[in-house]
Amino acid sequence: MISEVPNKMNDLKLIETYKRFLQTYSPEQLRFIPEQGVWSIGQMYDHLLVVAHEYLDSVEACTMTVGDRTQGKTEFGEYLFNIGGFPPVKIQLPPELNAAPDNTKTKEDIRRELDQLMKRMKELKKKVDEINPSYKQEHGGFGWLNAQEWFDLVGMHFRHHLRQKYELDEAWVTHGDGSDASSK
């Protein structure tokens, strides 16, 4: 079973694991969409990268917060951090937040972006412990989070998408010929 407990040291190892997974995909596998409304592996990677940078932007925004924020997390935010990760369910975003991620990036593009993400995380990790935990930024679903919580969300989010990665791998095997089911 994949642990959902956040561990900052393991977050970078987890991203390294995603990089190793990436190397096993052909360009066709990377872009394969098994059915309408389902992302490709490449889109999943793009989503992970975009969201990780949004979370890290919020870490940096916490450094510029003026004054303590007494607001807390939402009920779901409390639940999320109490269990140490996202629940093992698919989360459907509202349509205005659910635009399909980019499906045109190459393995090299994604690898380079994963490297850039890891570099940014290493730099921010050195600073995050020094940021006042009362300096917070609001997350639309989880409430008011401090820099450490925003940072922890990156790893939680990558762990959450492992299930999707395995489902997409299985869809590729199931379709056998690798043809794009969305074009059938």
Protein backbone atom coordinates (compact mmCIF):
# COMPACT_ATOMS: atom_id res chain seq x y z
CA MET A 1 0.00 0.00 0.00
CA ILE A 2 1.22 3.51 -0.82
CA SER A 3 1.62 5.62 2.29
CA GLU A 4 -0.29 8.90 2.37
CA VAL A 5 1.72 10.26 5.33
CA PRO A 6 3.53 13.42 4.24
CA ASN A 7 7.30 13.13 4.49
CA LYS A 8 9.25 16.06 3.11
CA MET A 9 12.38 14.00 2.55
CA ASN A 10 10.41 11.45 0.53
CA ASP A 11 8.70 14.07 -1.65
CA LEU A 12 11.84 14.54 -3.75
CA LYS A 13 12.32 10.77 -3.95
CA LEU A 14 8.72 10.48 -5.11
CA ILE A 15 9.32 13.00 -7.89
CA GLU A 16 12.47 11.05 -8.85
CA THR A 17 10.24 7.97 -9.09
CA TYR A 18 7.89 9.86 -11.40
CA LYS A 19 10.94 10.73 -13.53
CA ARG A 20 11.87 7.04 -13.74
CA PHE A 21 8.29 6.14 -14.69
CA LEU A 22 8.41 8.81 -17.39
CA GLN A 23 11.37 7.15 -19.09
CA THR A 24 9.35 3.97 -19.68
CA TYR A 25 6.69 5.66 -21.82
CA SER A 26 6.71 5.87 -25.59
CA PRO A 27 5.48 9.14 -27.16
CA GLU A 28 2.24 7.30 -28.01
CA GLN A 29 1.72 6.13 -24.43
CA LEU A 30 2.41 9.63 -23.12
CA ARG A 31 -0.41 11.11 -25.24
CA PHE A 32 -2.84 8.17 -25.17
CA ILE A 33 -6.32 9.19 -23.97
CA PRO A 34 -8.21 6.00 -23.05
CA GLU A 35 -11.68 7.57 -23.15
CA GLN A 36 -13.39 10.92 -23.30
CA GLY A 37 -13.00 12.86 -20.09
CA VAL A 38 -9.88 10.94 -19.00
CA TRP A 39 -6.42 12.48 -19.15
CA SER A 40 -3.37 11.00 -20.80
CA ILE A 41 -0.21 10.26 -18.83
CA GLY A 42 1.29 13.42 -20.32
CA GLN A 43 -1.69 15.48 -19.16
CA MET A 44 -1.40 13.99 -15.68
CA TYR A 45 2.27 15.04 -15.54
CA ASP A 46 1.40 18.52 -16.80
CA HIS A 47 -1.32 18.83 -14.15
CA LEU A 48 1.06 17.73 -11.39
CA LEU A 49 3.66 20.28 -12.48
CA VAL A 50 1.24 23.19 -12.84
CA VAL A 51 -0.40 22.54 -9.48
CA ALA A 52 2.94 22.00 -7.71
CA HIS A 53 4.13 25.41 -8.88
CA GLU A 54 0.83 26.98 -7.78
CA TYR A 55 1.35 25.48 -4.32
CA LEU A 56 4.96 26.71 -4.22
CA ASP A 57 3.81 30.17 -5.33
CA SER A 58 1.60 30.14 -2.23
CA VAL A 59 4.59 29.13 -0.07
CA GLU A 60 6.38 32.23 -1.36
CA ALA A 61 3.27 34.38 -0.89
CA CYS A 62 3.22 33.37 2.78
CA THR A 63 6.62 35.05 3.18
CA MET A 64 5.04 38.35 2.10
CA THR A 65 2.00 38.12 4.35
CA VAL A 66 1.60 41.11 6.63
CA GLY A 67 0.37 40.17 10.07
CA ASP A 68 -0.86 36.92 11.51
CA ARG A 69 -3.85 35.16 9.99
CA THR A 70 -6.09 33.61 12.57
CA GLN A 71 -8.36 31.96 10.02
CA GLY A 72 -8.09 28.19 9.84
CA LYS A 73 -8.72 25.37 7.48
CA THR A 74 -12.07 24.23 6.17
CA GLU A 75 -13.51 20.99 7.50
CA PHE A 76 -12.11 19.17 4.46
CA GLY A 77 -8.75 20.90 4.90
CA GLU A 78 -8.58 19.70 8.50
CA TYR A 79 -9.48 16.19 7.36
CA LEU A 80 -6.85 16.26 4.61
CA PHE A 81 -4.04 17.26 6.95
CA ASN A 82 -5.21 14.95 9.74
CA ILE A 83 -4.99 11.91 7.46
CA GLY A 84 -1.81 13.26 5.85
CA GLY A 85 -3.00 13.14 2.26
CA PHE A 86 -5.88 13.14 -0.17
CA PRO A 87 -8.51 10.44 0.32
CA PRO A 88 -8.32 7.58 -2.22
CA VAL A 89 -11.15 8.95 -4.37
CA LYS A 90 -11.34 10.82 -7.64
CA ILE A 91 -11.83 14.51 -7.06
CA GLN A 92 -13.91 16.34 -9.65
CA LEU A 93 -13.09 20.01 -9.95
CA PRO A 94 -15.73 22.54 -10.99
CA PRO A 95 -15.83 23.04 -14.78
CA GLU A 96 -14.16 26.48 -14.60
CA LEU A 97 -11.13 24.89 -12.89
CA ASN A 98 -11.11 21.69 -14.93
CA ALA A 99 -9.54 22.67 -18.25
CA ALA A 100 -7.70 19.78 -19.89
CA PRO A 101 -3.95 19.93 -19.21
CA ASP A 102 -1.40 20.20 -22.03
CA ASN A 103 -1.01 16.98 -24.03
CA THR A 104 1.79 18.10 -26.35
CA LYS A 105 4.88 17.96 -24.14
CA THR A 106 7.66 15.50 -24.88
CA LYS A 107 9.32 13.27 -22.30
CA GLU A 108 12.30 15.63 -22.37
CA ASP A 109 10.03 18.66 -21.73
CA ILE A 110 8.43 16.92 -18.76
CA ARG A 111 11.74 15.65 -17.38
CA ARG A 112 13.21 19.15 -17.58
CA GLU A 113 10.15 20.59 -15.80
CA LEU A 114 10.37 17.92 -13.08
CA ASP A 115 14.04 18.85 -12.57
CA GLN A 116 13.09 22.54 -12.31
CA LEU A 117 10.36 21.67 -9.80
CA MET A 118 12.78 19.67 -7.67
CA LYS A 119 15.30 22.52 -7.72
CA ARG A 120 12.63 24.98 -6.63
CA MET A 121 11.46 22.65 -3.87
CA LYS A 122 15.01 22.23 -2.54
CA GLU A 123 15.47 26.01 -2.45
CA LEU A 124 12.14 26.63 -0.74
CA LYS A 125 12.60 23.80 1.76
CA LYS A 126 15.59 25.70 3.17
CA LYS A 127 13.32 28.70 3.82
CA VAL A 128 9.96 27.18 4.74
CA ASP A 129 10.88 26.37 8.35
CA GLU A 130 11.73 30.05 8.92
CA ILE A 131 8.38 31.39 7.73
CA ASN A 132 6.03 32.37 10.54
CA PRO A 133 3.33 29.65 10.67
CA SER A 134 0.71 32.34 11.29
CA TYR A 135 1.41 33.82 7.85
CA LYS A 136 -1.14 32.09 5.62
CA GLN A 137 -2.66 32.10 2.16
CA GLU A 138 -6.15 30.87 1.36
CA HIS A 139 -6.79 27.70 -0.62
CA GLY A 140 -10.23 27.58 -2.24
CA GLY A 141 -11.09 24.16 -0.85
CA PHE A 142 -8.86 23.68 2.18
CA GLY A 143 -9.00 27.11 3.84
CA TRP A 144 -6.08 29.09 5.22
CA LEU A 145 -2.73 27.27 4.97
CA ASN A 146 0.72 28.28 6.14
CA ALA A 147 3.92 27.86 4.11
CA GLN A 148 4.71 24.40 5.49
CA GLU A 149 1.21 23.16 4.69
CA TRP A 150 1.38 24.52 1.14
CA PHE A 151 4.76 22.85 0.72
CA ASP A 152 3.41 19.54 2.06
CA LEU A 153 0.55 19.67 -0.46
CA VAL A 154 3.02 19.12 -3.31
CA GLY A 155 3.96 15.65 -2.09
CA MET A 156 0.38 14.84 -1.07
CA HIS A 157 -0.78 15.72 -4.57
CA PHE A 158 1.91 13.61 -6.27
CA ARG A 159 1.04 10.63 -4.04
CA HIS A 160 -2.66 11.11 -4.78
CA HIS A 161 -2.06 10.82 -8.54
CA LEU A 162 -0.15 7.52 -8.30
CA ARG A 163 -3.49 5.69 -8.45
CA GLN A 164 -4.36 7.56 -11.67
CA LYS A 165 -0.95 6.74 -13.14
CA TYR A 166 -1.51 3.01 -12.55
CA GLU A 167 -5.04 3.21 -13.99
CA LEU A 168 -3.67 4.89 -17.13
CA ASP A 169 -0.94 2.27 -17.42
CA GLU A 170 -3.60 -0.44 -17.20
CA ALA A 171 -5.75 1.30 -19.84
CA TRP A 172 -2.78 1.25 -22.21
CA VAL A 173 -2.28 -2.49 -21.66
CA THR A 174 -6.01 -3.18 -21.96
CA HIS A 175 -6.31 -1.38 -25.30
CA GLY A 176 -3.30 -3.37 -26.45
CA ASP A 177 -2.72 -1.69 -29.79
CA GLY A 178 -2.26 1.69 -28.14
CA SER A 179 -4.83 3.32 -30.39
CA ASP A 180 -6.44 6.44 -29.05
CA ALA A 181 -9.84 5.39 -27.72
CA SER A 182 -11.07 8.97 -28.00
CA SER A 183 -10.84 8.72 -31.79
CA LYS A 184 -12.92 5.51 -32.01
